[in-house]
N, C-alpha and C. Protein backbone atom coordinates (compact mmCIF):
# COMPACT_ATOMS: atom_id res chain seq x y z
N MET A 1 20.54 -18.36 10.95
CA MET A 1 19.39 -18.34 10.06
C MET A 1 19.63 -19.27 8.88
N GLY A 2 20.78 -19.23 8.31
CA GLY A 2 21.09 -20.16 7.23
C GLY A 2 20.38 -19.84 5.93
N LEU A 3 20.06 -20.89 5.21
CA LEU A 3 19.44 -20.72 3.90
C LEU A 3 17.97 -21.17 3.89
N GLU A 4 17.29 -21.05 5.05
CA GLU A 4 15.89 -21.47 5.08
C GLU A 4 15.02 -20.63 4.17
N TRP A 5 15.38 -19.36 3.97
CA TRP A 5 14.57 -18.48 3.13
C TRP A 5 14.64 -18.88 1.66
N LEU A 6 15.63 -19.72 1.31
CA LEU A 6 15.81 -20.13 -0.08
C LEU A 6 14.96 -21.34 -0.44
N LYS A 7 14.32 -21.96 0.54
CA LYS A 7 13.46 -23.11 0.25
C LYS A 7 12.27 -22.64 -0.58
N PRO A 8 11.81 -23.45 -1.51
CA PRO A 8 10.71 -23.01 -2.40
C PRO A 8 9.44 -22.61 -1.66
N ALA A 9 9.07 -23.33 -0.61
CA ALA A 9 7.83 -23.00 0.10
C ALA A 9 7.93 -21.62 0.75
N ALA A 10 9.06 -21.33 1.38
CA ALA A 10 9.24 -20.03 2.02
C ALA A 10 9.33 -18.92 0.98
N PHE A 11 10.03 -19.18 -0.09
CA PHE A 11 10.20 -18.16 -1.14
C PHE A 11 8.87 -17.81 -1.79
N PHE A 12 8.12 -18.82 -2.21
CA PHE A 12 6.84 -18.55 -2.88
C PHE A 12 5.80 -18.03 -1.90
N GLY A 13 5.88 -18.43 -0.64
CA GLY A 13 4.99 -17.88 0.38
C GLY A 13 5.25 -16.39 0.56
N SER A 14 6.52 -16.00 0.57
CA SER A 14 6.86 -14.59 0.70
C SER A 14 6.36 -13.79 -0.49
N ILE A 15 6.53 -14.33 -1.68
CA ILE A 15 6.04 -13.66 -2.89
C ILE A 15 4.53 -13.53 -2.85
N LEU A 16 3.84 -14.58 -2.42
CA LEU A 16 2.38 -14.55 -2.35
C LEU A 16 1.90 -13.49 -1.35
N PHE A 17 2.51 -13.45 -0.16
CA PHE A 17 2.09 -12.46 0.82
C PHE A 17 2.43 -11.04 0.37
N ALA A 18 3.53 -10.87 -0.34
CA ALA A 18 3.86 -9.54 -0.86
C ALA A 18 2.82 -9.11 -1.89
N LEU A 19 2.42 -10.00 -2.77
CA LEU A 19 1.39 -9.67 -3.76
C LEU A 19 0.05 -9.37 -3.09
N ILE A 20 -0.31 -10.15 -2.09
CA ILE A 20 -1.55 -9.89 -1.36
C ILE A 20 -1.50 -8.52 -0.70
N GLY A 21 -0.36 -8.18 -0.10
CA GLY A 21 -0.20 -6.88 0.53
C GLY A 21 -0.33 -5.73 -0.45
N VAL A 22 0.28 -5.87 -1.61
CA VAL A 22 0.21 -4.83 -2.64
C VAL A 22 -1.21 -4.68 -3.15
N ILE A 23 -1.90 -5.79 -3.36
CA ILE A 23 -3.28 -5.73 -3.86
C ILE A 23 -4.20 -5.09 -2.83
N VAL A 24 -4.05 -5.45 -1.57
CA VAL A 24 -4.89 -4.85 -0.52
C VAL A 24 -4.60 -3.36 -0.41
N PHE A 25 -3.33 -2.97 -0.49
CA PHE A 25 -2.98 -1.55 -0.45
C PHE A 25 -3.59 -0.81 -1.63
N TRP A 26 -3.50 -1.36 -2.82
CA TRP A 26 -4.02 -0.71 -4.02
C TRP A 26 -5.54 -0.56 -3.94
N VAL A 27 -6.23 -1.61 -3.50
CA VAL A 27 -7.69 -1.55 -3.39
C VAL A 27 -8.10 -0.51 -2.35
N SER A 28 -7.39 -0.47 -1.22
CA SER A 28 -7.75 0.51 -0.19
C SER A 28 -7.49 1.93 -0.68
N PHE A 29 -6.43 2.13 -1.45
CA PHE A 29 -6.15 3.46 -1.98
C PHE A 29 -7.21 3.88 -3.00
N VAL A 30 -7.66 2.95 -3.83
CA VAL A 30 -8.72 3.25 -4.80
C VAL A 30 -10.02 3.60 -4.06
N ILE A 31 -10.32 2.88 -2.99
CA ILE A 31 -11.52 3.18 -2.21
C ILE A 31 -11.41 4.57 -1.59
N ILE A 32 -10.25 4.89 -1.03
CA ILE A 32 -10.05 6.22 -0.45
C ILE A 32 -10.19 7.29 -1.53
N ASP A 33 -9.67 7.03 -2.71
CA ASP A 33 -9.79 7.99 -3.81
C ASP A 33 -11.24 8.19 -4.22
N LYS A 34 -12.03 7.12 -4.19
CA LYS A 34 -13.44 7.22 -4.60
C LYS A 34 -14.29 7.95 -3.57
N ILE A 35 -13.98 7.81 -2.27
CA ILE A 35 -14.84 8.42 -1.26
C ILE A 35 -14.48 9.88 -0.98
N THR A 36 -13.36 10.35 -1.51
CA THR A 36 -13.03 11.77 -1.34
C THR A 36 -13.89 12.58 -2.31
N PRO A 37 -14.26 13.80 -1.94
CA PRO A 37 -15.17 14.58 -2.78
C PRO A 37 -14.51 15.19 -4.04
N TYR A 38 -13.23 15.05 -4.21
CA TYR A 38 -12.56 15.62 -5.38
C TYR A 38 -11.58 14.62 -5.95
N ASP A 39 -11.06 14.91 -7.11
CA ASP A 39 -10.11 14.03 -7.80
C ASP A 39 -8.73 14.22 -7.19
N LEU A 40 -8.23 13.21 -6.48
CA LEU A 40 -6.92 13.33 -5.82
C LEU A 40 -5.81 13.57 -6.83
N TRP A 41 -5.81 12.80 -7.91
CA TRP A 41 -4.73 12.92 -8.90
C TRP A 41 -4.72 14.31 -9.52
N GLY A 42 -5.87 14.80 -9.92
CA GLY A 42 -5.94 16.12 -10.53
C GLY A 42 -5.55 17.22 -9.55
N GLU A 43 -5.95 17.06 -8.31
CA GLU A 43 -5.63 18.07 -7.30
C GLU A 43 -4.13 18.09 -6.99
N ILE A 44 -3.52 16.91 -6.93
CA ILE A 44 -2.09 16.85 -6.58
C ILE A 44 -1.21 17.20 -7.78
N VAL A 45 -1.51 16.65 -8.93
CA VAL A 45 -0.62 16.82 -10.09
C VAL A 45 -0.90 18.12 -10.84
N GLU A 46 -2.16 18.35 -11.17
CA GLU A 46 -2.47 19.51 -12.00
C GLU A 46 -2.45 20.82 -11.21
N LYS A 47 -3.04 20.80 -10.01
CA LYS A 47 -3.08 22.02 -9.21
C LYS A 47 -1.89 22.12 -8.24
N GLN A 48 -1.09 21.06 -8.19
CA GLN A 48 0.12 20.98 -7.36
C GLN A 48 -0.16 21.34 -5.90
N ASN A 49 -1.14 20.67 -5.33
CA ASN A 49 -1.51 20.87 -3.94
C ASN A 49 -0.59 20.03 -3.06
N VAL A 50 0.45 20.67 -2.53
CA VAL A 50 1.47 19.97 -1.74
C VAL A 50 0.89 19.46 -0.42
N ALA A 51 0.03 20.25 0.20
CA ALA A 51 -0.55 19.83 1.48
C ALA A 51 -1.35 18.54 1.32
N LEU A 52 -2.15 18.45 0.25
CA LEU A 52 -2.92 17.24 0.00
C LEU A 52 -1.99 16.07 -0.30
N ALA A 53 -0.91 16.32 -1.02
CA ALA A 53 0.04 15.25 -1.33
C ALA A 53 0.67 14.70 -0.05
N ILE A 54 0.96 15.57 0.91
CA ILE A 54 1.53 15.11 2.18
C ILE A 54 0.51 14.28 2.95
N VAL A 55 -0.74 14.73 2.97
CA VAL A 55 -1.79 13.99 3.67
C VAL A 55 -2.03 12.63 3.02
N VAL A 56 -2.08 12.59 1.70
CA VAL A 56 -2.29 11.32 1.00
C VAL A 56 -1.09 10.41 1.20
N GLY A 57 0.12 10.96 1.20
CA GLY A 57 1.30 10.15 1.46
C GLY A 57 1.30 9.56 2.86
N ALA A 58 0.91 10.35 3.84
CA ALA A 58 0.81 9.85 5.21
C ALA A 58 -0.27 8.77 5.32
N MET A 59 -1.37 8.98 4.61
CA MET A 59 -2.44 7.98 4.62
C MET A 59 -1.95 6.68 3.96
N ALA A 60 -1.19 6.81 2.88
CA ALA A 60 -0.66 5.62 2.22
C ALA A 60 0.31 4.87 3.13
N LEU A 61 1.15 5.61 3.85
CA LEU A 61 2.07 4.95 4.80
C LEU A 61 1.30 4.26 5.92
N GLY A 62 0.25 4.90 6.41
CA GLY A 62 -0.56 4.28 7.45
C GLY A 62 -1.22 3.00 6.99
N VAL A 63 -1.79 3.02 5.79
CA VAL A 63 -2.41 1.81 5.24
C VAL A 63 -1.36 0.73 5.01
N SER A 64 -0.18 1.12 4.57
CA SER A 64 0.90 0.16 4.34
C SER A 64 1.33 -0.52 5.63
N VAL A 65 1.42 0.24 6.72
CA VAL A 65 1.80 -0.34 8.01
C VAL A 65 0.72 -1.31 8.49
N ILE A 66 -0.53 -0.94 8.31
CA ILE A 66 -1.63 -1.83 8.73
C ILE A 66 -1.62 -3.11 7.91
N VAL A 67 -1.44 -3.01 6.59
CA VAL A 67 -1.41 -4.19 5.73
C VAL A 67 -0.20 -5.07 6.09
N ALA A 68 0.96 -4.46 6.33
CA ALA A 68 2.14 -5.23 6.69
C ALA A 68 1.95 -5.97 8.01
N ALA A 69 1.33 -5.30 8.98
CA ALA A 69 1.08 -5.95 10.27
C ALA A 69 0.07 -7.08 10.12
N ALA A 70 -0.92 -6.91 9.26
CA ALA A 70 -1.91 -7.96 9.06
C ALA A 70 -1.30 -9.16 8.34
N VAL A 71 -0.44 -8.92 7.38
CA VAL A 71 0.20 -10.01 6.65
C VAL A 71 1.22 -10.71 7.53
N HIS A 72 1.94 -9.96 8.32
CA HIS A 72 2.99 -10.54 9.18
C HIS A 72 2.39 -11.38 10.29
N GLY A 73 1.25 -10.97 10.79
CA GLY A 73 0.58 -11.74 11.82
C GLY A 73 0.79 -11.14 13.12
C-alpha cells in the first residue's frame, strides 16, 4: 500500500467524504427527530426511556451504514 494515502488529493478527498457523510447523517437524524410524534431528546434524557434510546441508537447505526456504503461506492 505504501504512502499513497498521504498524497494531498487522497487525504483531502477522504476528509471531504467524511464531512459529507457526517452532514448527511446529521440531516437524516434531524429529519427522523422531526417526523416522530414526540421529542426524542426529552423522552430519552428527561424520562430516561432506555427502550427508545436503543431503538434510536439502532436507527443511527443503520443510517450510518447506509451513508458509509453510499460514500464508499
